[in-house]
Amino acid sequence: MAHTAPRRATYATRRTGRRHPLVATLMALPLAALLLLVFDGWETVATQASSVGAMLGR
Protein backbone atom coordinates (compact mmCIF):
# COMPACT_ATOMS: atom_id res chain seq x y z
CA MET A 1 0.00 0.00 0.00
CA ALA A 2 1.36 3.44 -0.92
CA HIS A 3 2.07 6.05 1.70
CA THR A 4 0.28 9.33 1.09
CA ALA A 5 0.77 12.78 2.53
CA PRO A 6 -1.24 13.54 5.66
CA ARG A 7 -4.48 15.37 5.13
CA ARG A 8 -4.71 18.98 6.10
CA ALA A 9 -7.72 20.69 7.59
CA THR A 10 -9.44 22.68 4.86
CA TYR A 11 -11.26 24.91 7.27
CA ALA A 12 -9.82 27.81 9.23
CA THR A 13 -9.25 27.24 12.90
CA ARG A 14 -10.83 29.74 15.26
CA ARG A 15 -8.77 31.49 17.85
CA THR A 16 -9.98 31.17 21.37
CA GLY A 17 -9.90 34.22 23.53
CA ARG A 18 -11.49 37.60 23.82
CA ARG A 19 -12.39 39.94 21.01
CA HIS A 20 -10.92 43.38 20.82
CA PRO A 21 -13.40 45.94 22.22
CA LEU A 22 -13.41 47.83 18.92
CA VAL A 23 -14.44 44.68 17.04
CA ALA A 24 -17.25 44.03 19.53
CA THR A 25 -18.42 47.63 19.16
CA LEU A 26 -18.40 47.42 15.37
CA MET A 27 -20.46 44.23 15.60
CA ALA A 28 -23.04 45.88 17.87
CA LEU A 29 -23.42 49.16 15.97
CA PRO A 30 -25.58 47.81 13.12
CA LEU A 31 -28.00 46.28 15.64
CA ALA A 32 -28.11 49.52 17.58
CA ALA A 33 -28.87 51.48 14.38
CA LEU A 34 -31.60 49.00 13.47
CA LEU A 35 -33.18 49.34 16.92
CA LEU A 36 -33.02 53.12 16.57
CA LEU A 37 -34.89 52.97 13.27
CA VAL A 38 -37.45 50.34 14.30
CA PHE A 39 -38.32 51.67 17.74
CA ASP A 40 -37.51 55.33 17.03
CA GLY A 41 -35.91 56.02 20.37
CA TRP A 42 -32.55 56.82 21.89
CA GLU A 43 -33.46 54.82 24.99
CA THR A 44 -33.17 51.60 23.02
CA VAL A 45 -29.76 52.57 21.68
CA ALA A 46 -28.58 53.51 25.16
CA THR A 47 -29.82 50.18 26.54
CA GLN A 48 -28.02 48.26 23.79
CA ALA A 49 -24.81 50.20 24.35
CA SER A 50 -25.06 49.52 28.06
CA SER A 51 -25.50 45.80 27.41
CA VAL A 52 -22.44 45.74 25.14
CA GLY A 53 -20.45 47.56 27.81
CA ALA A 54 -21.55 45.02 30.40
CA MET A 55 -20.50 42.14 28.15
CA LEU A 56 -17.09 43.74 27.72
CA GLY A 57 -16.78 44.02 31.46
CA ARG A 58 -16.63 47.80 31.57
PDB file of N, CA and C in Angstrom:
ATOM      1  N   MET A   1       0.848  -1.170   0.000  1.00  0.00           N
ATOM      2  CA  MET A   1       0.000   0.000   0.000  1.00  0.00           C
ATOM      3  C   MET A   1       0.901   1.243   0.000  1.00  0.00           C
ATOM      4  N   ALA A   2       0.549   2.236  -0.786  1.00  0.00           N
ATOM      5  CA  ALA A   2       1.358   3.438  -0.918  1.00  0.00           C
ATOM      6  C   ALA A   2       1.123   4.375   0.260  1.00  0.00           C
ATOM      7  N   HIS A   3       2.180   5.048   0.643  1.00  0.00           N
ATOM      8  CA  HIS A   3       2.068   6.053   1.703  1.00  0.00           C
ATOM      9  C   HIS A   3       1.703   7.391   1.066  1.00  0.00           C
ATOM     10  N   THR A   4       0.712   8.036   1.624  1.00  0.00           N
ATOM     11  CA  THR A   4       0.282   9.332   1.093  1.00  0.00           C
ATOM     12  C   THR A   4       0.554  10.417   2.115  1.00  0.00           C
ATOM     13  N   ALA A   5       0.545  11.635   1.645  1.00  0.00           N
ATOM     14  CA  ALA A   5       0.772  12.776   2.534  1.00  0.00           C
ATOM     15  C   ALA A   5      -0.409  12.904   3.504  1.00  0.00           C
ATOM     16  N   PRO A   6      -0.144  13.369   4.708  1.00  0.00           N
ATOM     17  CA  PRO A   6      -1.243  13.543   5.664  1.00  0.00           C
ATOM     18  C   PRO A   6      -2.217  14.609   5.187  1.00  0.00           C
ATOM     19  N   ARG A   7      -3.460  14.393   5.524  1.00  0.00           N
ATOM     20  CA  ARG A   7      -4.483  15.367   5.132  1.00  0.00           C
ATOM     21  C   ARG A   7      -4.406  16.602   6.000  1.00  0.00           C
ATOM     22  N   ARG A   8      -4.672  17.708   5.376  1.00  0.00           N
ATOM     23  CA  ARG A   8      -4.710  18.980   6.104  1.00  0.00           C
ATOM     24  C   ARG A   8      -6.150  19.389   6.302  1.00  0.00           C
ATOM     25  N   ALA A   9      -6.381  20.154   7.366  1.00  0.00           N
ATOM     26  CA  ALA A   9      -7.723  20.689   7.591  1.00  0.00           C
ATOM     27  C   ALA A   9      -7.984  21.770   6.548  1.00  0.00           C
ATOM     28  N   THR A  10      -9.118  21.702   5.900  1.00  0.00           N
ATOM     29  CA  THR A  10      -9.435  22.682   4.862  1.00  0.00           C
ATOM     30  C   THR A  10     -10.217  23.859   5.414  1.00  0.00           C
ATOM     31  N   TYR A  11     -10.526  23.821   6.667  1.00  0.00           N
ATOM     32  CA  TYR A  11     -11.262  24.914   7.275  1.00  0.00           C
ATOM     33  C   TYR A  11     -10.332  25.702   8.189  1.00  0.00           C
ATOM     34  N   ALA A  12     -10.659  26.955   8.382  1.00  0.00           N
ATOM     35  CA  ALA A  12      -9.824  27.806   9.227  1.00  0.00           C
ATOM     36  C   ALA A  12     -10.099  27.498  10.696  1.00  0.00           C
ATOM     37  N   THR A  13      -9.070  27.470  11.469  1.00  0.00           N
ATOM     38  CA  THR A  13      -9.253  27.244  12.898  1.00  0.00           C
ATOM     39  C   THR A  13      -9.567  28.570  13.577  1.00  0.00           C
ATOM     40  N   ARG A  14     -10.446  28.526  14.539  1.00  0.00           N
ATOM     41  CA  ARG A  14     -10.827  29.742  15.258  1.00  0.00           C
ATOM     42  C   ARG A  14      -9.926  29.939  16.452  1.00  0.00           C
ATOM     43  N   ARG A  15      -9.563  31.167  16.668  1.00  0.00           N
ATOM     44  CA  ARG A  15      -8.772  31.485  17.848  1.00  0.00           C
ATOM     45  C   ARG A  15      -9.683  31.548  19.055  1.00  0.00           C
ATOM     46  N   THR A  16      -9.221  31.039  20.137  1.00  0.00           N
ATOM     47  CA  THR A  16      -9.983  31.167  21.369  1.00  0.00           C
ATOM     48  C   THR A  16      -9.452  32.372  22.110  1.00  0.00           C
ATOM     49  N   GLY A  17     -10.316  33.046  22.793  1.00  0.00           N
ATOM     50  CA  GLY A  17      -9.900  34.224  23.532  1.00  0.00           C
ATOM     51  C   GLY A  17     -10.945  35.313  23.408  1.00  0.00           C
ATOM     52  N   ARG A  18     -10.562  36.476  23.826  1.00  0.00           N
ATOM     53  CA  ARG A  18     -11.492  37.601  23.822  1.00  0.00           C
ATOM     54  C   ARG A  18     -11.328  38.429  22.568  1.00  0.00           C
ATOM     55  N   ARG A  19     -12.439  39.027  22.150  1.00  0.00           N
ATOM     56  CA  ARG A  19     -12.390  39.941  21.009  1.00  0.00           C
ATOM     57  C   ARG A  19     -11.880  41.294  21.480  1.00  0.00           C
ATOM     58  N   HIS A  20     -11.317  42.000  20.542  1.00  0.00           N
ATOM     59  CA  HIS A  20     -10.916  43.377  20.824  1.00  0.00           C
ATOM     60  C   HIS A  20     -12.180  44.203  21.028  1.00  0.00           C
ATOM     61  N   PRO A  21     -12.187  45.132  21.973  1.00  0.00           N
ATOM     62  CA  PRO A  21     -13.398  45.939  22.223  1.00  0.00           C
ATOM     63  C   PRO A  21     -13.897  46.690  20.987  1.00  0.00           C
ATOM     64  N   LEU A  22     -12.988  47.120  20.131  1.00  0.00           N
ATOM     65  CA  LEU A  22     -13.406  47.832  18.923  1.00  0.00           C
ATOM     66  C   LEU A  22     -14.172  46.902  17.989  1.00  0.00           C
ATOM     67  N   VAL A  23     -13.742  45.652  17.885  1.00  0.00           N
ATOM     68  CA  VAL A  23     -14.435  44.679  17.041  1.00  0.00           C
ATOM     69  C   VAL A  23     -15.834  44.418  17.591  1.00  0.00           C
ATOM     70  N   ALA A  24     -15.935  44.258  18.907  1.00  0.00           N
ATOM     71  CA  ALA A  24     -17.246  44.033  19.525  1.00  0.00           C
ATOM     72  C   ALA A  24     -18.159  45.235  19.302  1.00  0.00           C
ATOM     73  N   THR A  25     -17.616  46.425  19.388  1.00  0.00           N
ATOM     74  CA  THR A  25     -18.416  47.635  19.159  1.00  0.00           C
ATOM     75  C   THR A  25     -18.898  47.700  17.717  1.00  0.00           C
ATOM     76  N   LEU A  26     -18.014  47.389  16.779  1.00  0.00           N
ATOM     77  CA  LEU A  26     -18.404  47.415  15.367  1.00  0.00           C
ATOM     78  C   LEU A  26     -19.456  46.353  15.058  1.00  0.00           C
ATOM     79  N   MET A  27     -19.440  45.255  15.800  1.00  0.00           N
ATOM     80  CA  MET A  27     -20.463  44.230  15.601  1.00  0.00           C
ATOM     81  C   MET A  27     -21.808  44.685  16.156  1.00  0.00           C
ATOM     82  N   ALA A  28     -21.798  45.468  17.222  1.00  0.00           N
ATOM     83  CA  ALA A  28     -23.040  45.882  17.871  1.00  0.00           C
ATOM     84  C   ALA A  28     -23.671  47.112  17.224  1.00  0.00           C
ATOM     85  N   LEU A  29     -22.882  47.918  16.540  1.00  0.00           N
ATOM     86  CA  LEU A  29     -23.420  49.159  15.972  1.00  0.00           C
ATOM     87  C   LEU A  29     -24.549  48.955  14.956  1.00  0.00           C
ATOM     88  N   PRO A  30     -24.459  47.991  14.044  1.00  0.00           N
ATOM     89  CA  PRO A  30     -25.585  47.806  13.120  1.00  0.00           C
ATOM     90  C   PRO A  30     -26.888  47.444  13.833  1.00  0.00           C
ATOM     91  N   LEU A  31     -26.801  46.621  14.876  1.00  0.00           N
ATOM     92  CA  LEU A  31     -27.999  46.278  15.637  1.00  0.00           C
ATOM     93  C   LEU A  31     -28.541  47.501  16.363  1.00  0.00           C
ATOM     94  N   ALA A  32     -27.668  48.303  16.900  1.00  0.00           N
ATOM     95  CA  ALA A  32     -28.106  49.524  17.577  1.00  0.00           C
ATOM     96  C   ALA A  32     -28.786  50.473  16.596  1.00  0.00           C
ATOM     97  N   ALA A  33     -28.245  50.610  15.384  1.00  0.00           N
ATOM     98  CA  ALA A  33     -28.869  51.480  14.379  1.00  0.00           C
ATOM     99  C   ALA A  33     -30.226  50.931  13.956  1.00  0.00           C
ATOM    100  N   LEU A  34     -30.323  49.614  13.823  1.00  0.00           N
ATOM    101  CA  LEU A  34     -31.599  49.004  13.471  1.00  0.00           C
ATOM    102  C   LEU A  34     -32.643  49.244  14.561  1.00  0.00           C
ATOM    103  N   LEU A  35     -32.246  49.079  15.814  1.00  0.00           N
ATOM    104  CA  LEU A  35     -33.179  49.337  16.918  1.00  0.00           C
ATOM    105  C   LEU A  35     -33.608  50.802  16.948  1.00  0.00           C
ATOM    106  N   LEU A  36     -32.680  51.695  16.619  1.00  0.00           N
ATOM    107  CA  LEU A  36     -33.024  53.120  16.574  1.00  0.00           C
ATOM    108  C   LEU A  36     -34.078  53.379  15.504  1.00  0.00           C
ATOM    109  N   LEU A  37     -33.930  52.759  14.347  1.00  0.00           N
ATOM    110  CA  LEU A  37     -34.893  52.966  13.266  1.00  0.00           C
ATOM    111  C   LEU A  37     -36.243  52.305  13.547  1.00  0.00           C
ATOM    112  N   VAL A  38     -36.208  51.085  14.091  1.00  0.00           N
ATOM    113  CA  VAL A  38     -37.448  50.339  14.301  1.00  0.00           C
ATOM    114  C   VAL A  38     -38.257  50.930  15.448  1.00  0.00           C
ATOM    115  N   PHE A  39     -37.587  51.208  16.566  1.00  0.00           N
ATOM    116  CA  PHE A  39     -38.319  51.669  17.742  1.00  0.00           C
ATOM    117  C   PHE A  39     -38.304  53.181  17.904  1.00  0.00           C
ATOM    118  N   ASP A  40     -37.538  53.874  17.060  1.00  0.00           N
ATOM    119  CA  ASP A  40     -37.511  55.334  17.034  1.00  0.00           C
ATOM    120  C   ASP A  40     -37.268  55.934  18.412  1.00  0.00           C
ATOM    121  N   GLY A  41     -36.207  55.466  19.055  1.00  0.00           N
ATOM    122  CA  GLY A  41     -35.909  56.025  20.372  1.00  0.00           C
ATOM    123  C   GLY A  41     -34.466  55.847  20.771  1.00  0.00           C
ATOM    124  N   TRP A  42     -33.927  56.877  21.417  1.00  0.00           N
ATOM    125  CA  TRP A  42     -32.548  56.822  21.887  1.00  0.00           C
ATOM    126  C   TRP A  42     -32.408  55.917  23.103  1.00  0.00           C
ATOM    127  N   GLU A  43     -33.519  55.684  23.821  1.00  0.00           N
ATOM    128  CA  GLU A  43     -33.456  54.822  24.994  1.00  0.00           C
ATOM    129  C   GLU A  43     -33.032  53.411  24.614  1.00  0.00           C
ATOM    130  N   THR A  44     -33.525  52.932  23.481  1.00  0.00           N
ATOM    131  CA  THR A  44     -33.173  51.597  23.023  1.00  0.00           C
ATOM    132  C   THR A  44     -31.687  51.519  22.680  1.00  0.00           C
ATOM    133  N   VAL A  45     -31.181  52.546  22.032  1.00  0.00           N
ATOM    134  CA  VAL A  45     -29.762  52.575  21.678  1.00  0.00           C
ATOM    135  C   VAL A  45     -28.909  52.628  22.943  1.00  0.00           C
ATOM    136  N   ALA A  46     -29.326  53.420  23.908  1.00  0.00           N
ATOM    137  CA  ALA A  46     -28.580  53.512  25.164  1.00  0.00           C
ATOM    138  C   ALA A  46     -28.590  52.182  25.907  1.00  0.00           C
ATOM    139  N   THR A  47     -29.733  51.489  25.886  1.00  0.00           N
ATOM    140  CA  THR A  47     -29.823  50.181  26.538  1.00  0.00           C
ATOM    141  C   THR A  47     -28.901  49.182  25.856  1.00  0.00           C
ATOM    142  N   GLN A  48     -28.883  49.189  24.527  1.00  0.00           N
ATOM    143  CA  GLN A  48     -28.024  48.261  23.786  1.00  0.00           C
ATOM    144  C   GLN A  48     -26.549  48.560  24.057  1.00  0.00           C
ATOM    145  N   ALA A  49     -26.196  49.822  24.070  1.00  0.00           N
ATOM    146  CA  ALA A  49     -24.808  50.202  24.346  1.00  0.00           C
ATOM    147  C   ALA A  49     -24.416  49.795  25.757  1.00  0.00           C
ATOM    148  N   SER A  50     -25.327  49.938  26.693  1.00  0.00           N
ATOM    149  CA  SER A  50     -25.059  49.524  28.061  1.00  0.00           C
ATOM    150  C   SER A  50     -24.850  48.020  28.152  1.00  0.00           C
ATOM    151  N   SER A  51     -25.645  47.258  27.409  1.00  0.00           N
ATOM    152  CA  SER A  51     -25.501  45.799  27.408  1.00  0.00           C
ATOM    153  C   SER A  51     -24.151  45.385  26.819  1.00  0.00           C
ATOM    154  N   VAL A  52     -23.734  46.049  25.751  1.00  0.00           N
ATOM    155  CA  VAL A  52     -22.441  45.736  25.143  1.00  0.00           C
ATOM    156  C   VAL A  52     -21.322  46.070  26.128  1.00  0.00           C
ATOM    157  N   GLY A  53     -21.447  47.188  26.807  1.00  0.00           N
ATOM    158  CA  GLY A  53     -20.447  47.559  27.813  1.00  0.00           C
ATOM    159  C   GLY A  53     -20.376  46.554  28.937  1.00  0.00           C
ATOM    160  N   ALA A  54     -21.527  46.033  29.344  1.00  0.00           N
ATOM    161  CA  ALA A  54     -21.551  45.024  30.405  1.00  0.00           C
ATOM    162  C   ALA A  54     -20.897  43.726  29.937  1.00  0.00           C
ATOM    163  N   MET A  55     -21.127  43.346  28.664  1.00  0.00           N
ATOM    164  CA  MET A  55     -20.497  42.135  28.150  1.00  0.00           C
ATOM    165  C   MET A  55     -18.983  42.284  28.058  1.00  0.00           C
ATOM    166  N   LEU A  56     -18.531  43.492  27.796  1.00  0.00           N
ATOM    167  CA  LEU A  56     -17.094  43.736  27.716  1.00  0.00           C
ATOM    168  C   LEU A  56     -16.458  43.858  29.089  1.00  0.00           C
ATOM    169  N   GLY A  57     -17.290  43.923  30.109  1.00  0.00           N
ATOM    170  CA  GLY A  57     -16.780  44.019  31.455  1.00  0.00           C
ATOM    171  C   GLY A  57     -16.355  45.419  31.850  1.00  0.00           C
ATOM    172  N   ARG A  58     -16.981  46.404  31.254  1.00  0.00           N
ATOM    173  CA  ARG A  58     -16.633  47.801  31.574  1.00  0.00           C
ATOM    174  C   ARG A  58     -17.711  48.422  32.422  1.00  0.00           C
TER     175      ARG A  58
END
